[in-house]
Amino acid sequence: MKIWVDADACPVVIKEILFKAAERTKVQLTLVANQYIRIPPSRYIDMIQVGRGFDVADNEIVKRVEVNDLVITSDIPLAAEVIEEGGYALNPRGELYTTNNIKAILNMRDFMDTLRSSGLETGGPAPLSQSERQDFANQLDKYLTKHTKQ
């Protein structure tokens, strides 16, 4: 079991939570990004820098993800692909994407994309709140507790 991070857009505070969790649980954590990202020295944390381009990092994650791996991403289509591969996906706000909810979330994303493309201002996501950080940490701990015992 590994944790993969769609790291280009992952908030720093979430990466810091992940770094601590990887050290504490001795689970391999890999950040995948188009640009170099500084990581702490650790035998459990590494980084893969991929070329620039649309979905290059996403494709690299999907290529490497295995059953029961966890992917940290706010990219809903990537989350759907990860779930199809037998992995799990968690967004930085603490929402766990599952086979039970991913279709509805994809439909809502597509609907909002249609609204934006028709010229309607929908606004972007709000800044990450303290409660969302806590939700993320709690979901991560639940996942790690369940999957590191197997």
Protein backbone atom coordinates (compact mmCIF):
# COMPACT_ATOMS: atom_id res chain seq x y z
CA MET A 1 0.00 0.00 0.00
CA LYS A 2 1.30 3.42 -1.03
CA ILE A 3 0.09 6.99 -0.98
CA TRP A 4 0.34 9.01 -4.19
CA VAL A 5 -0.10 12.79 -4.25
CA ASP A 6 -1.25 14.81 -7.24
CA ALA A 7 1.17 17.40 -5.92
CA ASP A 8 1.05 20.40 -8.27
CA ALA A 9 -2.16 21.74 -6.72
CA CYS A 10 -1.96 20.11 -3.29
CA PRO A 11 -1.88 22.72 -0.50
CA VAL A 12 1.36 22.92 1.52
CA VAL A 13 -0.46 22.30 4.79
CA ILE A 14 -1.85 19.02 3.40
CA LYS A 15 1.61 17.94 2.24
CA GLU A 16 2.92 18.59 5.75
CA ILE A 17 0.18 16.37 7.23
CA LEU A 18 1.11 13.68 4.71
CA PHE A 19 4.85 13.93 5.48
CA LYS A 20 4.19 13.41 9.19
CA ALA A 21 1.82 10.51 8.53
CA ALA A 22 4.30 8.75 6.23
CA GLU A 23 7.02 8.95 8.89
CA ARG A 24 4.70 7.89 11.69
CA THR A 25 3.23 4.89 9.85
CA LYS A 26 6.24 4.04 7.65
CA VAL A 27 4.03 4.09 4.54
CA GLN A 28 5.61 5.04 1.22
CA LEU A 29 4.49 8.51 0.06
CA THR A 30 5.20 9.68 -3.48
CA LEU A 31 4.49 13.17 -4.78
CA VAL A 32 3.97 13.43 -8.54
CA ALA A 33 4.25 16.88 -10.13
CA ASN A 34 5.23 18.81 -13.24
CA GLN A 35 7.65 20.91 -11.23
CA TYR A 36 10.22 20.13 -8.54
CA ILE A 37 8.70 20.04 -5.06
CA ARG A 38 10.85 20.13 -1.96
CA ILE A 39 10.37 17.11 0.27
CA PRO A 40 11.91 16.32 3.66
CA PRO A 41 14.72 13.77 3.77
CA SER A 42 13.05 10.44 4.49
CA ARG A 43 13.22 6.85 3.37
CA TYR A 44 9.40 6.91 3.13
CA ILE A 45 8.95 10.05 1.02
CA ASP A 46 9.95 10.59 -2.59
CA MET A 47 9.01 12.73 -5.56
CA ILE A 48 8.54 12.04 -9.26
CA GLN A 49 8.84 15.02 -11.58
CA VAL A 50 7.05 14.49 -14.88
CA GLY A 51 7.08 16.58 -18.04
CA ARG A 52 4.77 19.50 -18.53
CA GLY A 53 1.48 18.96 -20.27
CA PHE A 54 -2.18 18.28 -19.75
CA ASP A 55 -2.78 15.32 -17.40
CA VAL A 56 0.86 14.14 -17.50
CA ALA A 57 1.05 13.82 -13.70
CA ASP A 58 -2.43 12.25 -13.57
CA ASN A 59 -1.49 9.66 -16.19
CA GLU A 60 1.69 8.79 -14.28
CA ILE A 61 -0.31 8.21 -11.10
CA VAL A 62 -2.89 6.02 -12.86
CA LYS A 63 -0.08 4.02 -14.47
CA ARG A 64 1.52 3.30 -11.07
CA VAL A 65 -1.45 3.00 -8.69
CA GLU A 66 -2.22 -0.45 -7.33
CA VAL A 67 -5.17 -1.96 -5.47
CA ASN A 68 -5.65 -0.32 -2.04
CA ASP A 69 -3.27 2.57 -2.79
CA LEU A 70 -4.49 6.00 -1.76
CA VAL A 71 -4.31 9.01 -4.08
CA ILE A 72 -4.58 12.54 -2.72
CA THR A 73 -6.20 14.72 -5.37
CA SER A 74 -8.86 17.32 -5.96
CA ASP A 75 -9.04 16.20 -9.62
CA ILE A 76 -12.34 14.33 -9.85
CA PRO A 77 -11.66 12.57 -13.19
CA LEU A 78 -8.33 11.34 -11.76
CA ALA A 79 -10.14 10.11 -8.65
CA ALA A 80 -12.58 8.18 -10.86
CA GLU A 81 -9.71 6.49 -12.73
CA VAL A 82 -7.99 5.59 -9.45
CA ILE A 83 -11.19 4.00 -8.13
CA GLU A 84 -11.52 2.00 -11.38
CA GLU A 85 -8.00 0.66 -10.73
CA GLY A 86 -8.98 -0.50 -7.24
CA GLY A 87 -7.45 2.39 -5.35
CA TYR A 88 -8.91 5.04 -3.08
CA ALA A 89 -8.97 8.80 -3.55
CA LEU A 90 -9.12 11.52 -0.93
CA ASN A 91 -9.34 15.22 -1.65
CA PRO A 92 -7.47 17.85 0.41
CA ARG A 93 -10.75 18.93 2.02
CA GLY A 94 -11.26 15.49 3.54
CA GLU A 95 -13.82 14.02 1.13
CA LEU A 96 -13.19 10.36 0.37
CA TYR A 97 -14.17 9.42 -3.17
CA THR A 98 -15.68 5.93 -3.40
CA THR A 99 -17.46 3.73 -5.89
CA ASN A 100 -20.67 4.83 -4.15
CA ASN A 101 -20.23 8.58 -4.67
CA ILE A 102 -17.84 9.17 -7.58
CA LYS A 103 -20.49 9.08 -10.34
CA ALA A 104 -22.63 11.73 -8.63
CA ILE A 105 -19.56 13.89 -7.99
CA LEU A 106 -18.46 13.56 -11.63
CA ASN A 107 -21.95 14.52 -12.80
CA MET A 108 -21.93 17.64 -10.59
CA ARG A 109 -18.45 18.57 -11.84
CA ASP A 110 -19.60 18.23 -15.46
CA PHE A 111 -22.72 20.30 -14.73
CA MET A 112 -20.64 23.09 -13.16
CA ASP A 113 -18.22 22.94 -16.10
CA THR A 114 -21.17 23.38 -18.47
CA LEU A 115 -22.35 26.43 -16.48
CA ARG A 116 -18.86 27.97 -16.59
CA SER A 117 -18.48 27.35 -20.32
CA SER A 118 -21.83 29.07 -20.94
CA GLY A 119 -20.44 32.20 -19.30
CA LEU A 120 -21.94 31.89 -15.83
CA GLU A 121 -19.56 32.91 -13.07
CA THR A 122 -19.50 30.08 -10.54
CA GLY A 123 -16.45 31.20 -8.55
CA GLY A 124 -13.62 29.03 -7.40
CA PRO A 125 -13.28 26.97 -4.27
CA ALA A 126 -13.03 28.73 -0.93
CA PRO A 127 -9.68 28.71 0.88
CA LEU A 128 -8.99 25.55 2.85
CA SER A 129 -10.53 25.97 6.30
CA GLN A 130 -9.19 24.67 9.61
CA SER A 131 -12.10 22.22 9.86
CA GLU A 132 -11.36 20.89 6.34
CA ARG A 133 -7.72 20.34 7.32
CA GLN A 134 -8.95 18.40 10.34
CA ASP A 135 -11.39 16.43 8.17
CA PHE A 136 -8.51 15.53 5.86
CA ALA A 137 -6.29 14.42 8.75
CA ASN A 138 -9.14 12.34 10.22
CA GLN A 139 -9.95 10.61 6.92
CA LEU A 140 -6.24 9.93 6.33
CA ASP A 141 -5.89 8.42 9.80
CA LYS A 142 -8.96 6.22 9.24
CA TYR A 143 -7.55 4.98 5.94
CA LEU A 144 -4.08 4.33 7.39
CA THR A 145 -5.48 2.54 10.43
CA LYS A 146 -7.58 0.25 8.26
CA HIS A 147 -4.99 -0.46 5.55
CA THR A 148 -1.74 -0.70 7.50
CA LYS A 149 -3.19 -3.55 9.60
CA GLN A 150 -3.94 -5.66 6.51
